[in-house]
Amino acid sequence: MKKKNPYSEQRSKDHKKPDKATSKKKFSKKETEVSTPSEPKLVRINKYVADAGICSRREADKLIESGLVYINGEVVTQLGTKVGLKDKVTYKGKVLQGEKLRYILLNKPKGFITTSDDPLNRRTTMNLVEKACSERIYSVGRLDRNTTGLLLFTNDGELTTKLTHPSNGVKKLYHAVLDKPLSKNDLLKIMEGVELEDGKIRPDKIDWVTDEENKKHIGIELHSGKNRIVRRIFEHLGYDVIRLDRVIFAGLTKKDLSRGRWRELDEKEVNILRML
């Protein structure tokens, strides 16, 4: 049975059926196409600052309240202030550009350092993603020179703060290859937590890779962003890490992403990251 359209029923009650002349005039394509002047797109000033890659939106609020942000030469301290495309926004004398947000995932190879510029002219991860987009992007966290695997680049300051703050518990899974088999006793010690020079660290999960009989291959999951944390955990117990690969970062994997290659995240992946 064909369902009734409640909207058409309501129209029939409220309006008399027009005659042919009126109907023809009313539904003429030329008459129904109404042109409205396009309004300039306005965004809140804190979002504009964050989209420029300066900081997160919350941190942008502090900069604005401190009187460090200017619009068209005038200091602005009201957080609800909106700006348009023709407005000139400056911070510390630098003109900010409200850029399109970009999210680039790199499968980092060995031998590249994670920095935007190196005075020693060594190879950097920025060399690998320099053609990914025209916007200025930066890495979310770091991987040391000899560590391979997933590294995310973006100009989204707010998301960067979320993914790097330890309180948010963003998970990272590493595959470590040691110089000698990891004993069960040391595995239990790591599970319970080890005391390092900058505090106690306890991984979320750790185990031997099941298809390796020599027990040199270890899977370790943690959310700490401390420098060289995985290597320091094993070094604390007398092991050297021969190879270290980050295979999962914040739910993102290396599927279909060969070493040294990058790809853009799709909208679904970005939305998942924002909900973490």
Protein backbone atom coordinates (compact mmCIF):
# COMPACT_ATOMS: atom_id res chain seq x y z
CA MET A 1 0.00 0.00 0.00
CA LYS A 2 1.33 3.40 -0.94
CA LYS A 3 2.10 5.55 2.11
CA LYS A 4 0.45 8.93 2.38
CA ASN A 5 2.65 11.97 2.43
CA PRO A 6 1.72 13.96 5.56
CA TYR A 7 3.27 17.09 4.14
CA SER A 8 1.11 16.98 1.01
CA GLU A 9 -1.97 16.42 3.18
CA GLN A 10 -1.16 19.45 5.29
CA ARG A 11 -0.64 21.55 2.16
CA SER A 12 -4.06 20.52 0.87
CA LYS A 13 -5.66 21.68 4.10
CA ASP A 14 -3.89 24.99 4.26
CA HIS A 15 -3.95 25.98 0.62
CA LYS A 16 -6.56 25.99 -2.12
CA LYS A 17 -5.59 24.34 -5.35
CA PRO A 18 -4.35 27.04 -7.73
CA ASP A 19 -5.82 27.44 -11.17
CA LYS A 20 -3.76 26.53 -14.21
CA ALA A 21 -2.63 30.10 -14.90
CA THR A 22 -1.53 30.66 -11.33
CA SER A 23 0.11 27.24 -11.17
CA LYS A 24 2.06 27.82 -14.33
CA LYS A 25 3.31 31.14 -13.12
CA LYS A 26 4.06 29.90 -9.59
CA PHE A 27 6.10 26.90 -10.65
CA SER A 28 7.89 28.53 -13.54
CA LYS A 29 11.61 27.66 -13.25
CA LYS A 30 12.60 31.23 -13.88
CA GLU A 31 10.30 32.48 -11.12
CA THR A 32 11.33 29.87 -8.52
CA GLU A 33 15.08 30.34 -8.88
CA VAL A 34 15.81 32.99 -6.26
CA SER A 35 19.30 34.39 -6.10
CA THR A 36 20.51 35.50 -2.68
CA PRO A 37 23.69 37.44 -2.13
CA SER A 38 26.44 35.20 -0.78
CA GLU A 39 27.65 36.18 2.65
CA PRO A 40 31.32 36.00 3.57
CA LYS A 41 32.15 32.97 5.69
CA LEU A 42 32.74 33.96 9.30
CA VAL A 43 34.55 31.83 11.89
CA ARG A 44 35.26 32.33 15.56
CA ILE A 45 38.64 33.87 16.22
CA ASN A 46 39.88 30.96 18.37
CA LYS A 47 39.12 28.48 15.57
CA TYR A 48 40.86 30.73 13.04
CA VAL A 49 44.00 30.84 15.21
CA ALA A 50 43.92 27.08 15.79
CA ASP A 51 43.38 26.34 12.08
CA ALA A 52 46.47 28.42 11.32
CA GLY A 53 48.46 25.75 13.15
CA ILE A 54 49.55 27.96 16.05
CA CYS A 55 48.01 25.93 18.88
CA SER A 56 44.86 24.18 20.04
CA ARG A 57 41.56 26.03 20.24
CA ARG A 58 41.68 26.06 24.03
CA GLU A 59 45.18 27.52 23.99
CA ALA A 60 44.01 30.08 21.42
CA ASP A 61 41.42 31.28 23.96
CA LYS A 62 44.24 32.10 26.38
CA LEU A 63 46.20 33.98 23.73
CA ILE A 64 43.12 36.04 22.86
CA GLU A 65 42.27 36.83 26.47
CA SER A 66 45.89 37.91 27.01
CA GLY A 67 45.58 40.47 24.20
CA LEU A 68 48.12 38.79 21.91
CA VAL A 69 45.85 38.45 18.88
CA TYR A 70 44.97 41.37 16.57
CA ILE A 71 42.29 41.76 13.91
CA ASN A 72 42.97 44.45 11.31
CA GLY A 73 45.47 46.09 13.65
CA GLU A 74 43.15 46.17 16.66
CA VAL A 75 43.66 43.96 19.71
CA VAL A 76 40.80 41.54 20.35
CA THR A 77 39.99 39.94 23.71
CA GLN A 78 36.38 38.81 23.17
CA LEU A 79 36.33 35.05 22.58
CA GLY A 80 33.12 35.19 20.54
CA THR A 81 34.57 37.58 17.96
CA LYS A 82 34.24 36.33 14.37
CA VAL A 83 36.48 37.03 11.40
CA GLY A 84 36.00 36.78 7.66
CA LEU A 85 38.27 35.98 4.73
CA LYS A 86 39.16 39.65 4.18
CA ASP A 87 40.19 40.26 7.80
CA LYS A 88 43.88 40.41 8.70
CA VAL A 89 44.63 38.37 11.84
CA THR A 90 48.07 38.69 13.44
CA TYR A 91 49.87 37.05 16.36
CA LYS A 92 53.30 38.28 17.49
CA GLY A 93 53.44 40.43 14.35
CA LYS A 94 52.87 37.45 12.04
CA VAL A 95 49.88 37.34 9.73
CA LEU A 96 47.91 34.12 10.25
CA GLN A 97 46.23 32.20 7.47
CA GLY A 98 43.11 30.17 8.20
CA GLU A 99 44.32 27.05 6.41
CA LYS A 100 42.49 23.93 5.35
CA LEU A 101 43.10 21.24 7.93
CA ARG A 102 45.31 18.42 6.70
CA TYR A 103 45.98 14.93 8.10
CA ILE A 104 48.88 12.96 6.62
CA LEU A 105 49.92 9.49 7.80
CA LEU A 106 53.53 8.44 7.10
CA ASN A 107 55.14 5.01 7.42
CA LYS A 108 58.51 6.32 8.55
CA PRO A 109 61.66 4.52 7.38
CA LYS A 110 64.85 4.19 9.41
CA GLY A 111 67.45 6.96 9.25
CA PHE A 112 65.14 10.01 9.29
CA ILE A 113 64.87 12.37 12.24
CA THR A 114 61.54 13.87 13.31
CA THR A 115 62.04 17.61 13.00
CA SER A 116 61.01 20.40 10.65
CA ASP A 117 64.57 21.61 10.16
CA ASP A 118 67.99 20.20 11.03
CA PRO A 119 71.12 22.40 11.31
CA LEU A 120 73.27 19.36 10.52
CA ASN A 121 71.43 18.88 7.23
CA ARG A 122 70.38 15.32 8.07
CA ARG A 123 67.38 13.68 6.42
CA THR A 124 64.13 14.61 8.14
CA THR A 125 60.59 13.25 8.04
CA MET A 126 59.50 16.58 6.56
CA ASN A 127 61.51 15.69 3.45
CA LEU A 128 59.21 12.69 3.02
CA VAL A 129 55.91 14.60 3.27
CA GLU A 130 56.91 17.95 1.73
CA LYS A 131 54.77 17.29 -1.37
CA ALA A 132 51.76 16.04 0.58
CA CYS A 133 50.09 19.46 0.73
CA SER A 134 50.78 23.17 0.47
CA GLU A 135 49.78 23.85 4.10
CA ARG A 136 52.38 23.92 6.87
CA ILE A 137 52.08 20.63 8.76
CA TYR A 138 54.01 19.20 11.69
CA SER A 139 54.35 15.79 13.34
CA VAL A 140 52.15 14.62 16.19
CA GLY A 141 54.84 13.45 18.60
CA ARG A 142 58.14 11.99 17.51
CA LEU A 143 59.92 8.81 16.51
CA ASP A 144 63.67 8.62 16.99
CA ARG A 145 66.01 8.27 14.04
CA ASN A 146 66.24 4.47 14.16
CA THR A 147 62.57 3.80 14.88
CA THR A 148 60.26 3.05 11.99
CA GLY A 149 56.48 3.08 11.64
CA LEU A 150 53.46 5.32 11.88
CA LEU A 151 53.83 9.07 12.25
CA LEU A 152 50.93 11.50 11.84
CA PHE A 153 51.33 15.02 10.43
CA THR A 154 48.72 17.77 10.65
CA ASN A 155 48.08 21.49 11.04
CA ASP A 156 45.21 20.81 13.46
CA GLY A 157 46.55 22.19 16.74
CA GLU A 158 43.54 21.12 18.77
CA LEU A 159 43.75 17.49 17.64
CA THR A 160 47.52 17.46 18.19
CA THR A 161 47.03 18.48 21.82
CA LYS A 162 44.43 15.74 22.29
CA LEU A 163 46.60 13.01 20.76
CA THR A 164 49.77 13.93 22.64
CA HIS A 165 48.41 14.59 26.13
CA PRO A 166 48.97 11.45 28.29
CA SER A 167 45.69 11.94 30.16
CA ASN A 168 43.79 11.03 26.98
CA GLY A 169 45.40 7.59 26.88
CA VAL A 170 46.02 7.43 23.12
CA LYS A 171 47.37 3.93 22.45
CA LYS A 172 50.51 3.10 20.48
CA LEU A 173 51.56 -0.44 19.64
CA TYR A 174 55.21 -1.25 18.92
CA HIS A 175 56.97 -4.34 17.58
CA ALA A 176 60.40 -4.55 19.21
CA VAL A 177 63.20 -6.94 18.27
CA LEU A 178 65.72 -7.44 21.09
CA ASP A 179 69.35 -8.57 21.05
CA LYS A 180 68.44 -11.60 23.20
CA PRO A 181 65.27 -13.42 24.27
CA LEU A 182 63.13 -11.64 26.87
CA SER A 183 62.85 -13.81 29.97
CA LYS A 184 59.51 -14.47 31.60
CA ASN A 185 60.77 -12.86 34.80
CA ASP A 186 61.68 -9.62 32.99
CA LEU A 187 58.40 -9.68 31.07
CA LEU A 188 56.54 -9.76 34.41
CA LYS A 189 58.73 -6.94 35.75
CA ILE A 190 57.80 -4.74 32.80
CA MET A 191 54.11 -5.60 33.20
CA GLU A 192 54.28 -4.48 36.83
CA GLY A 193 56.11 -1.28 35.90
CA VAL A 194 59.76 -0.24 35.89
CA GLU A 195 61.25 2.79 37.59
CA LEU A 196 63.14 5.00 35.13
CA GLU A 197 65.04 8.24 35.74
CA ASP A 198 61.93 10.31 34.96
CA GLY A 199 59.42 8.18 36.86
CA LYS A 200 57.72 4.81 36.84
CA ILE A 201 56.36 3.52 33.55
CA ARG A 202 53.92 0.66 33.10
CA PRO A 203 52.81 -0.47 29.64
CA ASP A 204 49.16 -1.18 28.89
CA LYS A 205 50.07 -4.55 27.37
CA ILE A 206 53.20 -6.55 26.62
CA ASP A 207 53.77 -10.06 25.27
CA TRP A 208 55.98 -12.16 23.04
CA VAL A 209 55.01 -12.25 19.38
CA THR A 210 53.30 -15.65 19.19
CA ASP A 211 54.90 -16.89 15.98
CA GLU A 212 58.44 -16.32 17.26
CA GLU A 213 60.03 -19.17 19.20
CA ASN A 214 63.19 -17.31 20.22
CA LYS A 215 61.20 -14.71 22.21
CA LYS A 216 63.25 -11.80 20.89
CA HIS A 217 60.19 -10.33 19.17
CA ILE A 218 58.01 -8.37 21.58
CA GLY A 219 54.71 -6.54 21.18
CA ILE A 220 54.32 -3.65 23.62
CA GLU A 221 51.39 -1.23 23.87
CA LEU A 222 51.50 1.99 25.87
CA HIS A 223 50.14 5.53 25.83
CA SER A 224 53.17 7.38 27.22
CA GLY A 225 54.75 9.96 24.92
CA LYS A 226 58.07 10.16 26.76
CA ASN A 227 61.24 10.32 24.67
CA ARG A 228 62.64 6.89 23.61
CA ILE A 229 60.35 5.26 26.18
CA VAL A 230 60.25 1.76 24.64
CA ARG A 231 64.01 1.56 24.22
CA ARG A 232 64.60 2.83 27.75
CA ILE A 233 62.24 0.23 29.25
CA PHE A 234 64.24 -2.63 27.77
CA GLU A 235 67.64 -0.99 28.33
CA HIS A 236 66.74 -0.65 32.02
CA LEU A 237 66.69 -4.47 32.22
CA GLY A 238 69.83 -5.03 30.14
CA TYR A 239 68.38 -5.50 26.65
CA ASP A 240 69.28 -3.66 23.45
CA VAL A 241 66.51 -2.93 20.95
CA ILE A 242 67.78 -3.96 17.52
CA ARG A 243 64.65 -2.90 15.65
CA LEU A 244 61.61 -0.91 16.71
CA ASP A 245 58.50 -0.37 14.61
CA ARG A 246 55.31 1.49 15.56
CA VAL A 247 52.54 -0.57 13.96
CA ILE A 248 49.45 1.15 15.44
CA PHE A 249 48.91 4.78 16.43
CA ALA A 250 45.55 5.97 17.83
CA GLY A 251 43.77 3.15 15.98
CA LEU A 252 45.52 3.89 12.66
CA THR A 253 47.44 1.01 11.06
CA LYS A 254 50.04 0.53 8.33
CA LYS A 255 47.64 -1.36 6.06
CA ASP A 256 48.43 -0.68 2.39
CA LEU A 257 51.10 1.85 3.40
CA SER A 258 54.60 0.75 2.46
CA ARG A 259 57.72 2.08 4.15
CA GLY A 260 58.55 5.66 3.22
CA ARG A 261 55.10 6.33 1.77
CA TRP A 262 52.31 8.59 3.05
CA ARG A 263 48.58 8.98 2.57
CA GLU A 264 45.83 11.38 3.60
CA LEU A 265 43.35 10.28 6.24
CA ASP A 266 39.76 10.07 5.09
CA GLU A 267 36.91 11.90 6.82
CA LYS A 268 35.86 8.83 8.81
CA GLU A 269 39.36 8.35 10.23
CA VAL A 270 39.59 12.02 11.22
CA ASN A 271 36.23 11.88 12.98
CA ILE A 272 37.33 8.79 14.93
CA LEU A 273 40.48 10.62 16.07
CA ARG A 274 38.42 13.58 17.25
CA MET A 275 36.23 11.27 19.34
CA LEU A 276 39.14 9.64 21.17
